[in-house]
């Protein structure tokens, strides 16, 4: 506002200054022309040199004066005086007066500077001629502009104060909601209550849009914070469970090794049992570490390499190997042709996990592979105690074990790895069954042939 007033005042003052200077020259020309016309019919007495009563003091006043000169430049009469005598005009200025019309110039220097206009006169009676000069102090335009300058200052300062007050009131009212938003944001940051939201505002003004965006950001931040907290809790529980699971075989190995190394003379059968226990627990710990490493790679974002794969051939091969490894488990079923895009090693591991799980809880496992509607379904059923419906989702969590009837010597990691492998293939794994046994369904997309 101040800049606008200053620019406006400067523009008005500049235009007024140009107008005042033009008006001064126009007025002086008119005075000189009027005097020249009067001198055309002037009497002899009026053309004799004479003093004019009460001439204007050009140093004190800004009135217009008229000075009449003869052809030689001698002063006949003057209505103004400068330092007690008629103003003296340079011969160069007098000689520049045209035969017709008037010429104007500024003569002298401050504080005696004058703005003068000269015009030639000719008396018609005898052809006598000379110059008539109309002039005024050069300070006259500045004196006229002093009032305008004072008016601009006097009117501009109150206008600026009024504008300042109005803008302060309007801006304060407009920014009050922003101050509330800032206070709410500081409070949320101090308390870390990311579930809290800013009060909704009606309308579509900038503050309402800012509030909506801030609430949306708080929602995303709250969701991220919850995921991070859940991830940290899962990691903490994972480390605790892994330590617990590793402690059991380590304790058994340490005890049996100490018995063999520092115990008294033992019978051969006791020594053989201790060695077998060490071997079994070592194998168990190796499997646990291997599965922990698999989950660690999954957490690190490892992606499986998928390629066209004959799933039916792989299932048949693993079923034959499982029947030989698990002598107490009867493995059978039906396998239909199915080609998929998958990772052979990972799918082999998945099927072994399901068959090992069946071997721990049942005496018979039925493996069925079918293809329908663009999906290959692998179903592994057993005749064990089954999985309660309330536990069928949680058994895929790490280190989680279902009802005691289905607890074995596993660490609860196999099904978690199976779910990760299935997810990597763009499929899903589900648990079902009844009291007469459990069944696991693995669905993966069939290979799209060209």
Protein backbone atom coordinates (compact mmCIF):
# COMPACT_ATOMS: atom_id res chain seq x y z
CA UNK A 1 0.00 0.00 0.00
CA UNK A 2 2.84 2.37 0.85
CA UNK A 3 4.56 1.60 -2.43
CA UNK A 4 1.31 2.13 -4.32
CA UNK A 5 0.70 5.49 -2.64
CA UNK A 6 4.29 6.56 -3.33
CA UNK A 7 4.05 5.63 -7.02
CA UNK A 8 0.66 7.30 -7.33
CA UNK A 9 1.90 10.49 -5.64
CA UNK A 10 5.03 10.57 -7.82
CA UNK A 11 2.93 10.19 -10.97
CA UNK A 12 0.47 12.91 -9.93
CA UNK A 13 3.31 15.23 -8.93
CA UNK A 14 5.19 14.68 -12.21
CA UNK A 15 2.09 15.32 -14.31
CA UNK A 16 1.23 18.39 -12.22
CA UNK A 17 4.77 19.76 -12.52
CA UNK A 18 4.65 19.46 -16.31
CA UNK A 19 1.23 21.07 -16.35
CA UNK A 20 2.30 23.97 -14.14
CA UNK A 21 5.31 24.75 -16.34
CA UNK A 22 3.15 24.67 -19.48
CA UNK A 23 0.52 26.84 -17.82
CA UNK A 24 3.17 29.38 -16.80
CA UNK A 25 4.50 29.73 -20.35
CA UNK A 26 0.96 29.98 -21.74
CA UNK A 27 0.09 32.71 -19.24
CA UNK A 28 3.26 34.69 -19.96
CA UNK A 29 2.71 34.47 -23.73
CA UNK A 30 -0.84 35.74 -23.28
CA UNK A 31 0.33 38.69 -21.17
CA UNK A 32 3.05 39.55 -23.71
CA UNK A 33 0.60 39.31 -26.62
CA UNK A 34 -1.99 41.51 -24.88
CA UNK A 35 0.64 44.12 -24.09
CA UNK A 36 1.93 44.11 -27.68
CA UNK A 37 -1.58 44.73 -29.00
CA UNK A 38 -2.05 47.66 -26.63
CA UNK A 39 1.24 49.17 -27.75
CA UNK A 40 0.09 49.19 -31.40
CA UNK A 41 -2.14 52.20 -30.54
CA UNK A 42 -0.11 53.59 -27.64
CA UNK A 43 0.38 57.39 -27.26
CA UNK A 44 3.72 59.14 -27.40
CA UNK A 45 3.66 59.72 -23.63
CA UNK A 46 3.25 56.04 -22.88
CA UNK A 47 6.28 55.23 -25.07
CA UNK A 48 8.58 57.57 -23.20
CA UNK A 49 10.71 56.00 -20.43
CA UNK A 50 8.84 56.31 -17.15
CA UNK A 51 8.60 54.64 -13.78
CA UNK A 52 5.60 52.57 -12.86
CA UNK A 53 4.16 53.22 -9.39
CA UNK A 54 4.43 50.29 -6.90
CA UNK A 55 6.32 47.81 -9.07
CA UNK A 56 6.31 44.13 -8.02
CA UNK A 57 9.29 42.94 -5.95
CA UNK A 58 10.18 39.79 -7.83
CA UNK A 59 12.23 38.45 -4.92
CA UNK A 60 9.27 38.54 -2.56
CA UNK A 61 6.29 37.86 -4.79
CA UNK A 62 5.46 35.61 -7.74
CA UNK A 63 3.23 38.06 -9.63
CA UNK A 64 3.54 38.43 -13.42
CA UNK A 65 5.36 41.58 -14.54
CA UNK A 66 5.46 43.26 -17.94
CA UNK A 67 8.47 45.14 -19.25
CA UNK A 68 8.44 47.28 -22.40
CA UNK A 69 11.69 47.88 -24.31
CA UNK A 70 12.45 49.93 -27.38
CA UNK A 71 14.23 48.65 -30.46
CA UNK A 72 17.63 49.22 -28.82
CA UNK A 73 16.75 47.20 -25.75
CA UNK A 74 16.36 50.21 -23.40
CA UNK A 75 13.66 49.84 -20.78
CA UNK A 76 10.64 52.12 -21.35
CA UNK A 77 8.60 50.81 -18.41
CA UNK A 78 8.49 47.79 -16.09
CA UNK A 79 5.89 46.65 -13.58
CA UNK A 80 8.47 44.57 -11.70
CA UNK A 81 11.81 45.20 -10.10
CA UNK A 82 14.75 43.09 -9.04
CA UNK A 83 17.10 44.53 -6.43
CA UNK A 84 15.38 47.90 -6.79
CA UNK A 85 15.57 48.22 -10.57
CA UNK A 86 13.87 46.70 -13.60
CA UNK A 87 15.06 43.19 -14.43
CA UNK A 88 18.00 43.12 -16.82
CA UNK A 89 17.56 40.73 -19.70
CA UNK A 90 20.43 39.23 -21.75
CA UNK A 91 20.92 40.64 -25.24
CA UNK A 92 21.04 37.06 -26.61
CA UNK A 93 17.51 36.45 -25.39
CA UNK A 94 16.22 39.74 -26.73
CA UNK A 95 17.80 39.12 -30.09
CA UNK A 96 16.16 35.68 -30.35
CA UNK A 97 12.63 37.11 -30.33
CA UNK A 98 10.91 36.18 -33.62
CA UNK A 99 9.18 38.67 -35.90
CA UNK A 100 5.85 37.08 -35.08
CA UNK A 101 4.87 35.20 -31.94
CA UNK A 102 6.66 34.94 -28.63
CA UNK A 103 9.75 33.15 -27.37
CA UNK A 104 10.22 31.94 -23.79
CA UNK A 105 13.33 31.18 -21.73
CA UNK A 106 14.66 31.09 -18.20
CA UNK A 107 17.21 33.80 -17.50
CA UNK A 108 19.44 34.38 -14.50
CA UNK A 109 20.31 31.99 -11.73
CA UNK A 110 18.81 31.24 -8.30
CA UNK A 111 17.46 33.13 -6.46
CA UNK A 112 17.12 35.70 -9.28
CA UNK A 113 16.02 33.25 -12.00
CA UNK A 114 13.10 34.45 -14.08
CA UNK A 115 10.88 32.78 -16.60
CA UNK A 116 10.23 35.31 -19.38
CA UNK A 117 8.44 35.41 -22.77
CA UNK A 118 9.23 38.17 -25.33
CA UNK A 119 7.14 39.37 -28.29
CA UNK A 120 7.81 42.20 -30.77
CA UNK A 121 5.46 45.19 -30.95
CA UNK A 122 4.99 47.77 -33.71
CA UNK A 123 3.06 51.05 -33.34
CA UNK A 124 0.83 51.45 -36.34
CA UNK A 125 0.96 55.25 -36.36
CA UNK A 126 4.66 55.65 -37.17
CA UNK A 127 6.06 52.09 -37.38
CA UNK A 128 8.00 52.44 -34.14
CA UNK A 129 8.84 49.04 -32.69
CA UNK A 130 10.40 47.24 -29.75
CA UNK A 131 9.94 44.31 -27.42
CA UNK A 132 7.45 43.54 -24.70
CA UNK A 133 8.49 41.00 -22.09
CA UNK A 134 6.15 39.24 -19.67
CA UNK A 135 7.88 37.39 -16.85
CA UNK A 136 7.57 35.75 -13.48
CA UNK A 137 9.96 34.34 -10.93
CA UNK A 138 11.08 30.79 -11.77
CA UNK A 139 10.04 29.77 -8.27
CA UNK A 140 6.36 30.14 -9.13
CA UNK A 141 5.82 26.56 -10.36
CA UNK A 142 7.60 25.15 -7.31
CA UNK A 143 5.51 27.36 -5.03
CA UNK A 144 2.37 26.10 -6.75
CA UNK A 145 3.50 22.51 -6.31
CA UNK A 146 4.22 22.95 -2.60
CA UNK A 147 0.51 22.82 -1.89
CA UNK A 148 0.09 19.68 -3.97
CA UNK A 149 3.04 18.08 -2.21
CA UNK A 150 1.58 18.92 1.18
CA UNK A 151 -1.82 17.56 0.10
CA UNK A 152 -0.30 14.26 -1.05
CA UNK A 153 1.57 13.82 2.22
CA UNK A 154 -1.35 14.84 4.42
CA UNK A 155 -3.80 12.60 2.57
CA UNK A 156 -1.40 9.69 2.00
CA UNK A 157 -0.33 9.14 5.61
CA UNK A 158 -3.90 8.72 6.98
CA UNK A 159 -4.77 6.50 4.00
CA UNK A 160 -1.74 4.34 4.75
CA UNK A 161 -2.70 4.08 8.42
CA UNK A 162 -6.26 3.13 7.53
CA UNK A 163 -4.97 0.53 5.06
CA UNK A 164 -2.57 -0.81 7.69
CA UNK A 165 -5.39 -1.19 10.22
CA UNK A 166 -7.72 -2.79 7.68
CA UNK A 167 -5.10 -5.23 6.42
CA UNK A 168 -4.14 -6.13 9.99
CA UNK A 169 -7.77 -6.90 10.84
CA UNK A 170 -8.43 -8.83 7.63
CA UNK A 171 -5.14 -10.74 7.72
CA UNK A 172 -5.57 -11.51 11.41
CA UNK A 173 -9.03 -12.93 10.78
CA UNK A 174 -7.82 -14.89 7.78
CA UNK A 175 -4.76 -16.28 9.58
CA UNK A 176 -6.56 -17.18 12.80
CA UNK A 177 -7.52 -20.65 11.45
CA UNK A 178 -3.92 -21.20 10.39
CA UNK A 179 -2.75 -20.41 13.91
CA UNK A 180 -5.21 -22.99 15.22
CA UNK A 181 -3.93 -25.52 12.66
CA UNK A 182 -0.34 -24.80 13.75
CA UNK A 183 -1.28 -25.19 17.43
CA UNK A 184 -3.06 -28.49 16.75
CA UNK A 185 -0.10 -29.74 14.70
CA UNK A 186 2.33 -28.85 17.49
CA UNK A 187 0.14 -30.64 20.02
CA UNK A 188 -0.06 -33.76 17.83
CA UNK A 189 3.71 -33.72 17.35
CA UNK A 190 4.31 -33.26 21.08
CA UNK A 191 1.96 -36.07 22.17
CA UNK A 192 2.64 -38.29 19.09
CA UNK A 193 -1.10 -38.96 18.96
CA UNK A 194 -1.25 -39.66 15.24
CA UNK A 195 -4.83 -40.93 15.50
CA UNK A 196 -5.93 -37.39 16.32
CA UNK A 197 -7.33 -35.23 13.50
CA UNK A 198 -7.77 -31.52 12.90
CA UNK A 199 -11.39 -30.28 13.06
CA UNK A 200 -12.98 -30.36 9.62
CA UNK A 201 -13.77 -26.99 8.03
CA UNK A 202 -16.66 -26.33 5.73
CA UNK A 203 -16.05 -24.75 2.37
CA UNK A 204 -13.27 -25.05 -0.17
CA UNK A 205 -10.99 -22.23 0.90
CA UNK A 206 -7.25 -22.69 1.30
CA UNK A 207 -7.46 -23.42 5.03
CA UNK A 208 -10.06 -26.14 4.44
CA UNK A 209 -7.87 -27.71 1.74
CA UNK A 210 -4.84 -27.49 4.06
CA UNK A 211 -6.80 -29.13 6.89
CA UNK A 212 -7.97 -31.94 4.60
CA UNK A 213 -4.43 -32.53 3.31
CA UNK A 214 -3.01 -32.46 6.84
CA UNK A 215 -5.60 -34.98 8.07
CA UNK A 216 -4.85 -37.21 5.08
CA UNK A 217 -1.14 -37.00 5.89
CA UNK A 218 -1.87 -37.83 9.55
CA UNK A 219 -3.83 -40.89 8.42
CA UNK A 220 -0.94 -42.11 6.30
CA UNK A 221 1.52 -41.35 9.10
CA UNK A 222 -0.65 -43.18 11.62
CA UNK A 223 -0.88 -46.20 9.34
CA UNK A 224 2.90 -46.18 8.78
CA UNK A 225 3.52 -45.78 12.49
CA UNK A 226 1.25 -48.73 13.28
CA UNK A 227 2.92 -50.89 10.63
CA UNK A 228 6.33 -49.97 12.00
CA UNK A 229 5.24 -50.75 15.56
CA UNK A 230 3.77 -54.06 14.43
CA UNK A 231 6.95 -54.85 12.49
CA UNK A 232 9.13 -54.06 15.49
CA UNK A 233 6.92 -56.18 17.74
CA UNK A 234 7.05 -59.04 15.24
CA UNK A 235 10.81 -58.73 15.02
CA UNK A 236 11.14 -58.70 18.80
CA UNK A 237 8.91 -61.75 19.12
CA UNK A 238 10.77 -63.44 16.25
CA UNK A 239 14.14 -62.97 17.96
CA UNK A 240 12.74 -64.16 21.30
CA UNK A 241 11.10 -67.22 19.75
CA UNK A 242 14.17 -68.05 17.67
CA UNK A 243 16.34 -67.85 20.78
CA UNK A 244 13.93 -70.10 22.64
CA UNK A 245 13.78 -72.65 19.83
CA UNK A 246 17.55 -72.74 19.46
CA UNK A 247 18.07 -73.06 23.20
CA UNK A 248 16.29 -76.45 23.37
CA UNK A 249 18.53 -78.35 20.89
CA UNK A 250 21.61 -76.55 22.15
CA UNK A 251 20.82 -77.62 25.71
CA UNK A 252 20.30 -81.20 24.59
CA UNK A 253 23.52 -81.22 22.56
CA UNK A 254 25.47 -79.60 25.41
CA UNK A 255 24.17 -82.05 27.98
CA UNK A 256 24.83 -85.15 25.90
CA UNK A 257 28.24 -83.87 24.80
CA UNK A 258 29.16 -83.19 28.41
CA UNK A 259 27.96 -86.65 29.36
CA UNK A 260 30.16 -88.23 26.73
CA UNK A 261 33.18 -86.06 27.42
CA UNK A 262 33.26 -85.82 31.21
CA UNK A 263 30.98 -88.53 32.53
CA UNK A 264 32.08 -91.80 34.07
CA UNK A 265 32.44 -94.95 32.10
CA UNK A 266 29.09 -95.46 30.38
CA UNK A 267 27.56 -98.51 28.82
CA UNK A 268 27.75 -98.71 25.06
CA UNK A 269 24.01 -98.38 24.63
CA UNK A 270 23.92 -95.13 26.69
CA UNK A 271 26.76 -93.70 24.66
CA UNK A 272 24.94 -94.65 21.44
CA UNK A 273 21.72 -92.98 22.64
CA UNK A 274 23.63 -89.80 23.56
CA UNK A 275 25.29 -89.73 20.13
CA UNK A 276 21.96 -90.27 18.41
CA UNK A 277 20.41 -87.45 20.45
CA UNK A 278 23.27 -85.14 19.49
CA UNK A 279 22.85 -86.06 15.83
CA UNK A 280 19.06 -85.60 15.92
CA UNK A 281 19.21 -82.28 17.72
CA UNK A 282 21.96 -81.10 15.37
CA UNK A 283 19.78 -81.93 12.37
CA UNK A 284 16.83 -80.20 14.02
CA UNK A 285 18.91 -77.09 14.72
CA UNK A 286 20.24 -77.11 11.15
CA UNK A 287 16.70 -77.22 9.78
CA UNK A 288 15.68 -74.41 12.12
CA UNK A 289 18.61 -72.24 11.07
CA UNK A 290 17.93 -72.99 7.41
CA UNK A 291 14.32 -71.89 7.77
CA UNK A 292 15.30 -68.81 9.75
CA UNK A 293 17.65 -67.88 6.91
CA UNK A 294 14.82 -68.41 4.39
CA UNK A 295 12.54 -66.07 6.35
CA UNK A 296 15.36 -63.55 6.69
CA UNK A 297 15.82 -63.56 2.91
CA UNK A 298 12.05 -63.10 2.54
CA UNK A 299 12.11 -60.14 4.88
CA UNK A 300 15.00 -58.67 2.90
CA UNK A 301 12.82 -58.63 -0.24
CA UNK A 302 14.30 -61.66 -2.01
CA UNK A 303 12.42 -62.40 -5.24
CA UNK A 304 12.23 -65.92 -6.63
CA UNK A 305 13.23 -66.62 -10.22
CA UNK A 306 10.18 -67.97 -12.03
CA UNK A 307 10.38 -70.14 -15.15
CA UNK A 308 8.06 -72.58 -16.96
CA UNK A 309 7.77 -75.70 -14.79
CA UNK A 310 6.01 -79.06 -14.99
CA UNK A 311 4.31 -79.00 -11.59
CA UNK A 312 2.87 -82.52 -12.02
CA UNK A 313 6.32 -84.07 -12.48
CA UNK A 314 7.69 -82.21 -9.46
CA UNK A 315 4.78 -83.30 -7.22
CA UNK A 316 5.13 -86.94 -8.28
CA UNK A 317 8.87 -86.90 -7.60
CA UNK A 318 8.55 -85.34 -4.14
CA UNK A 319 5.74 -87.74 -3.18
CA UNK A 320 7.93 -90.71 -4.11
CA UNK A 321 10.87 -89.33 -2.10
CA UNK A 322 8.65 -88.54 0.91
CA UNK A 323 7.24 -92.07 0.94
CA UNK A 324 10.80 -93.39 1.11
CA UNK A 325 11.95 -90.93 3.81
CA UNK A 326 8.86 -91.19 6.04
CA UNK A 327 8.40 -94.91 6.39
CA UNK A 328 5.41 -94.48 8.71
CA UNK A 329 3.54 -92.23 6.29
CA UNK A 330 1.43 -93.60 3.46
CA UNK A 331 1.49 -91.16 0.54
CA UNK A 332 -1.00 -91.40 -2.32
CA UNK A 333 -3.28 -89.34 -4.50
CA UNK A 334 -3.98 -88.20 -8.03
CA UNK A 335 -1.84 -85.81 -10.09
CA UNK A 336 -3.19 -84.11 -13.24
CA UNK A 337 -0.94 -82.38 -15.79
CA UNK A 338 -0.27 -78.72 -14.90
CA UNK A 339 2.34 -76.31 -16.17
CA UNK A 340 3.05 -73.14 -14.20
CA UNK A 341 5.64 -70.39 -14.04
CA UNK A 342 7.53 -71.07 -10.83
CA UNK A 343 10.74 -71.67 -8.91
CA UNK A 344 11.45 -75.43 -8.77
CA UNK A 345 13.53 -75.39 -5.57
CA UNK A 346 11.05 -73.21 -3.70
CA UNK A 347 8.03 -75.28 -4.73
CA UNK A 348 9.88 -78.48 -3.82
CA UNK A 349 10.56 -76.97 -0.38
CA UNK A 350 6.88 -75.99 -0.04
CA UNK A 351 5.67 -79.53 -0.78
CA UNK A 352 8.22 -81.03 1.60
CA UNK A 353 7.00 -78.69 4.33
CA UNK A 354 3.41 -79.87 3.86
CA UNK A 355 4.39 -83.55 3.74
CA UNK A 356 6.70 -83.23 6.78
CA UNK A 357 3.82 -81.56 8.60
CA UNK A 358 1.56 -84.50 7.68
CA UNK A 359 4.21 -87.00 8.76
CA UNK A 360 4.32 -85.43 12.23
CA UNK A 361 0.57 -85.70 12.84
CA UNK A 362 -0.83 -88.48 10.64
CA UNK A 363 -0.22 -91.88 9.11
CA UNK A 364 -1.65 -91.17 5.67
CA UNK A 365 -1.26 -88.20 3.31
CA UNK A 366 -3.27 -87.67 0.15
CA UNK A 367 -1.79 -85.36 -2.50
CA UNK A 368 -4.06 -84.13 -5.31
CA UNK A 369 -3.10 -81.80 -8.18
CA UNK A 370 -5.79 -80.43 -10.52
CA UNK A 371 -6.04 -77.61 -13.07
CA UNK A 372 -9.16 -75.53 -13.65
CA UNK A 373 -10.09 -71.96 -14.72
CA UNK A 374 -6.50 -70.85 -15.15
CA UNK A 375 -5.35 -72.10 -11.73
CA UNK A 376 -3.45 -75.13 -10.52
CA UNK A 377 -4.65 -76.43 -7.13
CA UNK A 378 -2.42 -78.59 -4.96
CA UNK A 379 -4.22 -80.18 -2.00
CA UNK A 380 -2.34 -82.08 0.74
CA UNK A 381 -4.68 -83.85 3.19
CA UNK A 382 -3.88 -86.07 6.18
CA UNK A 383 -5.81 -88.21 8.64
CA UNK A 384 -4.48 -86.46 11.72
CA UNK A 385 -6.40 -84.52 14.38
CA UNK A 386 -7.06 -81.55 12.06
CA UNK A 387 -6.76 -77.79 12.65
CA UNK A 388 -9.53 -75.91 14.54
CA UNK A 389 -11.25 -73.25 12.39
CA UNK A 390 -10.14 -70.50 14.77
CA UNK A 391 -6.49 -71.43 14.21
CA UNK A 392 -6.47 -71.88 10.41
CA UNK A 393 -5.13 -68.41 9.72
CA UNK A 394 -2.77 -68.06 12.66
CA UNK A 395 -0.85 -71.25 11.89
CA UNK A 396 0.85 -69.36 9.05
CA UNK A 397 2.40 -66.94 11.55
CA UNK A 398 6.01 -67.47 12.52
CA UNK A 399 6.59 -69.70 15.60
CA UNK A 400 2.88 -70.15 16.07
CA UNK A 401 1.54 -73.63 16.85
CA UNK A 402 -2.08 -74.67 16.79
CA UNK A 403 -3.97 -76.92 19.14
CA UNK A 404 -1.74 -79.20 21.25
CA UNK A 405 -3.06 -82.19 19.34
CA UNK A 406 -1.11 -81.01 16.27
CA UNK A 407 2.06 -79.93 18.04
CA UNK A 408 5.17 -81.75 17.03
CA UNK A 409 8.87 -81.16 17.16
CA UNK A 410 8.73 -78.34 14.64
CA UNK A 411 9.45 -74.69 15.43
CA UNK A 412 6.39 -73.27 13.71
CA UNK A 413 8.30 -71.80 10.75
CA UNK A 414 7.44 -74.18 7.91
CA UNK A 415 3.96 -72.85 7.13
CA UNK A 416 5.22 -69.25 7.30
CA UNK A 417 7.81 -70.13 4.65
CA UNK A 418 5.12 -71.93 2.62
CA UNK A 419 2.97 -68.81 2.59
CA UNK A 420 5.92 -66.66 1.45
CA UNK A 421 6.68 -69.09 -1.40
CA UNK A 422 3.03 -69.07 -2.47
CA UNK A 423 2.88 -65.27 -2.39
CA UNK A 424 6.01 -65.12 -4.57
CA UNK A 425 4.17 -67.19 -7.18
CA UNK A 426 1.12 -64.92 -7.14
CA UNK A 427 -1.04 -67.55 -5.43
CA UNK A 428 -2.46 -68.34 -2.01
CA UNK A 429 -2.37 -71.07 0.62
CA UNK A 430 -5.31 -72.01 2.83
CA UNK A 431 -5.88 -74.45 5.69
CA UNK A 432 -9.04 -76.51 5.97
CA UNK A 433 -10.29 -79.94 7.02
CA UNK A 434 -12.20 -81.30 10.00
CA UNK A 435 -11.67 -83.43 13.09
CA UNK A 436 -10.80 -86.36 10.81
CA UNK A 437 -7.79 -84.59 9.37
CA UNK A 438 -6.25 -81.41 8.03
CA UNK A 439 -5.99 -80.28 4.40
CA UNK A 440 -3.86 -77.53 2.91
CA UNK A 441 -4.76 -75.94 -0.45
CA UNK A 442 -2.13 -74.21 -2.59
CA UNK A 443 -3.42 -72.27 -5.63
CA UNK A 444 -0.98 -70.89 -8.23
CA UNK A 445 -1.68 -69.48 -11.73
CA UNK A 446 -1.28 -71.81 -14.67
CA UNK A 447 1.29 -70.98 -17.36
CA UNK A 448 -0.21 -68.78 -20.10
CA UNK A 449 0.77 -70.41 -23.35
CA UNK A 450 1.23 -68.30 -26.50
